[in-house]
N, C-alpha and C. Protein backbone atom coordinates (compact mmCIF):
# COMPACT_ATOMS: atom_id res chain seq x y z
N MET A 1 29.61 36.33 15.81
CA MET A 1 28.72 36.63 14.70
C MET A 1 28.69 35.47 13.69
N ARG A 2 29.84 34.88 13.45
CA ARG A 2 29.91 33.76 12.52
C ARG A 2 29.14 32.56 13.06
N LEU A 3 29.19 32.34 14.35
CA LEU A 3 28.47 31.24 14.98
C LEU A 3 26.96 31.43 14.82
N ILE A 4 26.49 32.65 14.99
CA ILE A 4 25.07 32.93 14.85
C ILE A 4 24.63 32.69 13.41
N ARG A 5 25.44 33.11 12.45
CA ARG A 5 25.11 32.90 11.04
C ARG A 5 25.07 31.41 10.72
N THR A 6 26.03 30.65 11.24
CA THR A 6 26.08 29.21 11.01
C THR A 6 24.85 28.53 11.61
N LEU A 7 24.50 28.92 12.82
CA LEU A 7 23.32 28.35 13.47
C LEU A 7 22.04 28.72 12.71
N ALA A 8 21.97 29.93 12.20
CA ALA A 8 20.78 30.36 11.44
C ALA A 8 20.65 29.54 10.16
N VAL A 9 21.77 29.34 9.46
CA VAL A 9 21.75 28.53 8.23
C VAL A 9 21.36 27.09 8.56
N LEU A 10 21.90 26.55 9.62
CA LEU A 10 21.57 25.19 10.04
C LEU A 10 20.09 25.08 10.39
N ALA A 11 19.55 26.07 11.10
CA ALA A 11 18.14 26.05 11.46
C ALA A 11 17.25 26.12 10.21
N LEU A 12 17.62 26.95 9.24
CA LEU A 12 16.86 27.03 8.00
C LEU A 12 16.92 25.72 7.22
N ALA A 13 18.08 25.09 7.19
CA ALA A 13 18.22 23.82 6.49
C ALA A 13 17.34 22.74 7.15
N CYS A 14 17.33 22.71 8.48
CA CYS A 14 16.49 21.74 9.20
C CYS A 14 15.01 22.01 8.95
N ALA A 15 14.63 23.29 8.95
CA ALA A 15 13.23 23.63 8.70
C ALA A 15 12.82 23.22 7.29
N ALA A 16 13.68 23.44 6.32
CA ALA A 16 13.37 23.05 4.93
C ALA A 16 13.25 21.54 4.81
N ALA A 17 14.15 20.81 5.46
CA ALA A 17 14.09 19.35 5.40
C ALA A 17 12.82 18.84 6.07
N PHE A 18 12.43 19.42 7.18
CA PHE A 18 11.21 19.02 7.88
C PHE A 18 9.98 19.33 7.03
N ALA A 19 9.94 20.51 6.41
CA ALA A 19 8.80 20.89 5.57
C ALA A 19 8.67 19.94 4.38
N THR A 20 9.79 19.53 3.81
CA THR A 20 9.76 18.59 2.68
C THR A 20 9.23 17.24 3.14
N ALA A 21 9.64 16.78 4.30
CA ALA A 21 9.18 15.48 4.81
C ALA A 21 7.70 15.52 5.14
N VAL A 22 7.21 16.65 5.63
CA VAL A 22 5.81 16.77 6.01
C VAL A 22 4.91 16.92 4.78
N ALA A 23 5.41 17.58 3.75
CA ALA A 23 4.61 17.80 2.53
C ALA A 23 4.58 16.52 1.71
N GLN A 24 3.68 15.62 2.09
CA GLN A 24 3.56 14.34 1.41
C GLN A 24 2.42 14.39 0.41
N ASP A 25 2.38 13.39 -0.43
CA ASP A 25 1.32 13.25 -1.40
C ASP A 25 -0.01 13.12 -0.67
N THR A 26 -1.01 13.85 -1.12
CA THR A 26 -2.33 13.76 -0.50
C THR A 26 -3.33 13.07 -1.40
N GLY A 27 -2.88 12.55 -2.54
CA GLY A 27 -3.75 11.85 -3.47
C GLY A 27 -4.03 10.44 -3.00
N PRO A 28 -4.57 9.61 -3.88
CA PRO A 28 -4.84 8.22 -3.52
C PRO A 28 -3.54 7.47 -3.20
N LEU A 29 -3.59 6.60 -2.23
CA LEU A 29 -2.44 5.79 -1.79
C LEU A 29 -1.22 6.67 -1.47
N PRO A 30 -1.36 7.63 -0.57
CA PRO A 30 -0.27 8.57 -0.31
C PRO A 30 0.99 7.93 0.26
N SER A 31 0.89 6.79 0.90
CA SER A 31 2.08 6.18 1.47
C SER A 31 2.83 5.31 0.46
N TRP A 32 2.28 5.13 -0.73
CA TRP A 32 2.92 4.31 -1.76
C TRP A 32 3.89 5.15 -2.57
N ASN A 33 4.99 4.52 -3.00
CA ASN A 33 5.91 5.16 -3.93
C ASN A 33 5.27 5.17 -5.32
N ASP A 34 5.62 6.19 -6.11
CA ASP A 34 5.15 6.19 -7.49
C ASP A 34 5.77 5.00 -8.21
N GLY A 35 4.97 4.32 -8.98
CA GLY A 35 5.45 3.16 -9.71
C GLY A 35 4.31 2.48 -10.42
N PRO A 36 4.60 1.39 -11.13
CA PRO A 36 3.57 0.72 -11.92
C PRO A 36 2.44 0.14 -11.08
N ALA A 37 2.70 -0.36 -9.89
CA ALA A 37 1.65 -0.95 -9.06
C ALA A 37 0.65 0.12 -8.62
N ARG A 38 1.18 1.23 -8.10
CA ARG A 38 0.30 2.32 -7.65
C ARG A 38 -0.49 2.87 -8.83
N LYS A 39 0.17 3.11 -9.93
CA LYS A 39 -0.49 3.66 -11.11
C LYS A 39 -1.61 2.72 -11.59
N SER A 40 -1.33 1.43 -11.61
CA SER A 40 -2.31 0.45 -12.07
C SER A 40 -3.53 0.43 -11.18
N ILE A 41 -3.34 0.45 -9.87
CA ILE A 41 -4.46 0.41 -8.94
C ILE A 41 -5.30 1.68 -9.04
N VAL A 42 -4.65 2.83 -9.11
CA VAL A 42 -5.37 4.09 -9.20
C VAL A 42 -6.18 4.15 -10.50
N GLU A 43 -5.58 3.71 -11.60
CA GLU A 43 -6.30 3.70 -12.89
C GLU A 43 -7.48 2.73 -12.86
N PHE A 44 -7.28 1.56 -12.25
CA PHE A 44 -8.35 0.57 -12.16
C PHE A 44 -9.53 1.12 -11.36
N VAL A 45 -9.24 1.70 -10.21
CA VAL A 45 -10.30 2.23 -9.35
C VAL A 45 -11.04 3.36 -10.08
N ALA A 46 -10.31 4.22 -10.77
CA ALA A 46 -10.96 5.30 -11.52
C ALA A 46 -11.87 4.72 -12.60
N LYS A 47 -11.43 3.66 -13.24
CA LYS A 47 -12.19 3.06 -14.34
C LYS A 47 -13.48 2.40 -13.84
N VAL A 48 -13.43 1.71 -12.73
CA VAL A 48 -14.61 0.97 -12.26
C VAL A 48 -15.55 1.80 -11.39
N THR A 49 -15.14 3.00 -11.02
CA THR A 49 -16.01 3.84 -10.18
C THR A 49 -16.64 5.00 -10.95
N LYS A 50 -16.34 5.12 -12.24
CA LYS A 50 -16.92 6.20 -13.05
C LYS A 50 -18.29 5.76 -13.55
N ASP A 51 -19.32 6.41 -13.01
CA ASP A 51 -20.70 6.06 -13.36
C ASP A 51 -20.92 6.22 -14.87
N GLY A 52 -21.49 5.18 -15.47
CA GLY A 52 -21.77 5.20 -16.91
C GLY A 52 -20.65 4.64 -17.76
N ALA A 53 -19.47 4.38 -17.18
CA ALA A 53 -18.35 3.82 -17.94
C ALA A 53 -18.62 2.35 -18.21
N PRO A 54 -18.02 1.79 -19.28
CA PRO A 54 -18.27 0.38 -19.61
C PRO A 54 -17.82 -0.59 -18.51
N ASP A 55 -16.82 -0.21 -17.73
CA ASP A 55 -16.29 -1.08 -16.68
C ASP A 55 -16.84 -0.74 -15.29
N PHE A 56 -17.87 0.11 -15.24
CA PHE A 56 -18.43 0.55 -13.96
C PHE A 56 -18.92 -0.64 -13.12
N VAL A 57 -18.56 -0.62 -11.83
CA VAL A 57 -19.02 -1.65 -10.89
C VAL A 57 -19.87 -0.95 -9.83
N PRO A 58 -21.14 -1.37 -9.68
CA PRO A 58 -21.99 -0.75 -8.67
C PRO A 58 -21.42 -0.94 -7.26
N VAL A 59 -21.69 0.02 -6.40
CA VAL A 59 -21.13 0.02 -5.04
C VAL A 59 -21.36 -1.29 -4.30
N PRO A 60 -22.55 -1.90 -4.31
CA PRO A 60 -22.74 -3.14 -3.56
C PRO A 60 -21.89 -4.31 -4.06
N GLU A 61 -21.39 -4.21 -5.28
CA GLU A 61 -20.60 -5.30 -5.84
C GLU A 61 -19.09 -5.07 -5.71
N ARG A 62 -18.67 -4.00 -5.10
CA ARG A 62 -17.25 -3.67 -4.97
C ARG A 62 -16.69 -4.29 -3.69
N ILE A 63 -15.89 -5.33 -3.86
CA ILE A 63 -15.26 -5.99 -2.72
C ILE A 63 -13.83 -6.32 -3.08
N ALA A 64 -12.89 -5.92 -2.25
CA ALA A 64 -11.48 -6.27 -2.42
C ALA A 64 -10.80 -6.21 -1.07
N VAL A 65 -9.93 -7.15 -0.80
CA VAL A 65 -9.17 -7.17 0.45
C VAL A 65 -7.70 -7.24 0.09
N PHE A 66 -6.96 -6.21 0.48
CA PHE A 66 -5.55 -6.14 0.14
C PHE A 66 -4.68 -6.35 1.37
N ASP A 67 -3.54 -6.96 1.16
CA ASP A 67 -2.53 -7.13 2.18
C ASP A 67 -1.75 -5.82 2.27
N ASN A 68 -0.86 -5.71 3.23
CA ASN A 68 -0.07 -4.50 3.38
C ASN A 68 0.82 -4.20 2.19
N ASP A 69 1.19 -5.21 1.41
CA ASP A 69 2.05 -4.97 0.25
C ASP A 69 1.25 -4.76 -1.03
N GLY A 70 -0.07 -4.67 -0.94
CA GLY A 70 -0.90 -4.38 -2.09
C GLY A 70 -1.39 -5.59 -2.85
N THR A 71 -0.98 -6.77 -2.45
CA THR A 71 -1.46 -7.96 -3.14
C THR A 71 -2.79 -8.39 -2.53
N LEU A 72 -3.56 -9.10 -3.30
CA LEU A 72 -4.81 -9.64 -2.77
C LEU A 72 -4.49 -10.80 -1.84
N TRP A 73 -5.24 -10.93 -0.77
CA TRP A 73 -5.00 -12.03 0.17
C TRP A 73 -5.06 -13.38 -0.52
N ALA A 74 -5.96 -13.52 -1.48
CA ALA A 74 -6.12 -14.82 -2.15
C ALA A 74 -4.90 -15.19 -2.99
N GLU A 75 -4.04 -14.22 -3.27
CA GLU A 75 -2.85 -14.51 -4.08
C GLU A 75 -1.78 -15.25 -3.30
N HIS A 76 -1.82 -15.19 -1.99
CA HIS A 76 -0.78 -15.86 -1.21
C HIS A 76 -1.31 -16.40 0.12
N LEU A 77 -2.41 -17.10 0.06
CA LEU A 77 -2.91 -17.73 1.27
C LEU A 77 -1.94 -18.82 1.71
N PRO A 78 -1.61 -18.87 2.97
CA PRO A 78 -0.68 -19.91 3.42
C PRO A 78 -1.34 -21.29 3.38
N VAL A 79 -0.59 -22.25 2.96
CA VAL A 79 -1.08 -23.63 2.98
C VAL A 79 -0.31 -24.33 4.08
N ARG A 80 -1.00 -24.59 5.15
CA ARG A 80 -0.35 -25.22 6.29
C ARG A 80 -0.14 -26.70 6.03
N GLU A 81 0.93 -27.23 6.54
CA GLU A 81 1.25 -28.64 6.31
C GLU A 81 0.15 -29.55 6.86
N GLU A 82 -0.45 -29.15 7.98
CA GLU A 82 -1.48 -29.99 8.58
C GLU A 82 -2.69 -30.11 7.65
N VAL A 83 -2.93 -29.12 6.85
CA VAL A 83 -4.07 -29.13 5.95
C VAL A 83 -3.71 -29.77 4.62
N SER A 84 -2.48 -29.61 4.20
CA SER A 84 -2.11 -30.05 2.86
C SER A 84 -1.78 -31.54 2.77
N ARG A 85 -1.49 -32.19 3.89
CA ARG A 85 -1.25 -33.65 3.83
C ARG A 85 -2.07 -34.33 4.91
N PRO A 86 -2.62 -35.47 4.59
CA PRO A 86 -3.45 -36.16 5.58
C PRO A 86 -2.62 -36.69 6.75
N ALA A 87 -3.26 -36.80 7.88
CA ALA A 87 -2.59 -37.32 9.07
C ALA A 87 -2.30 -38.81 8.89
N ALA A 88 -1.25 -39.27 9.54
CA ALA A 88 -0.91 -40.69 9.47
C ALA A 88 -1.95 -41.50 10.22
N PRO A 89 -2.17 -42.75 9.81
CA PRO A 89 -3.13 -43.61 10.52
C PRO A 89 -2.75 -43.75 11.99
N GLY A 90 -3.74 -43.75 12.83
CA GLY A 90 -3.49 -43.92 14.26
C GLY A 90 -3.03 -42.65 14.94
N GLY A 91 -3.01 -41.55 14.25
CA GLY A 91 -2.64 -40.28 14.85
C GLY A 91 -1.15 -40.05 14.95
N ALA A 92 -0.33 -40.99 14.52
CA ALA A 92 1.11 -40.80 14.59
C ALA A 92 1.56 -39.94 13.41
N ASP A 93 2.45 -39.03 13.69
CA ASP A 93 2.99 -38.20 12.62
C ASP A 93 4.04 -39.00 11.87
N GLY A 94 3.92 -38.99 10.56
CA GLY A 94 4.73 -39.83 9.72
C GLY A 94 6.10 -39.42 9.56
């Protein structure tokens, strides 16, 4: 009887843990942790998409490309060595 009670408690604990993991945020940027970056982006988007607001941006003018970490691609474009320094005369690498 004690084993059955222990297994029942363990099963309930596992079910509760699974339900908590499944019940994720369904708002904007659900995979992001709460923090200043997420808050800033959500506030910005709300501000520029509200029709009639002073900061409203029409749909055809809305363009942004974000990296997986939320930064704009233009903020960290790689500068390859081949592009950043000219080739040595005669094709030899200096």
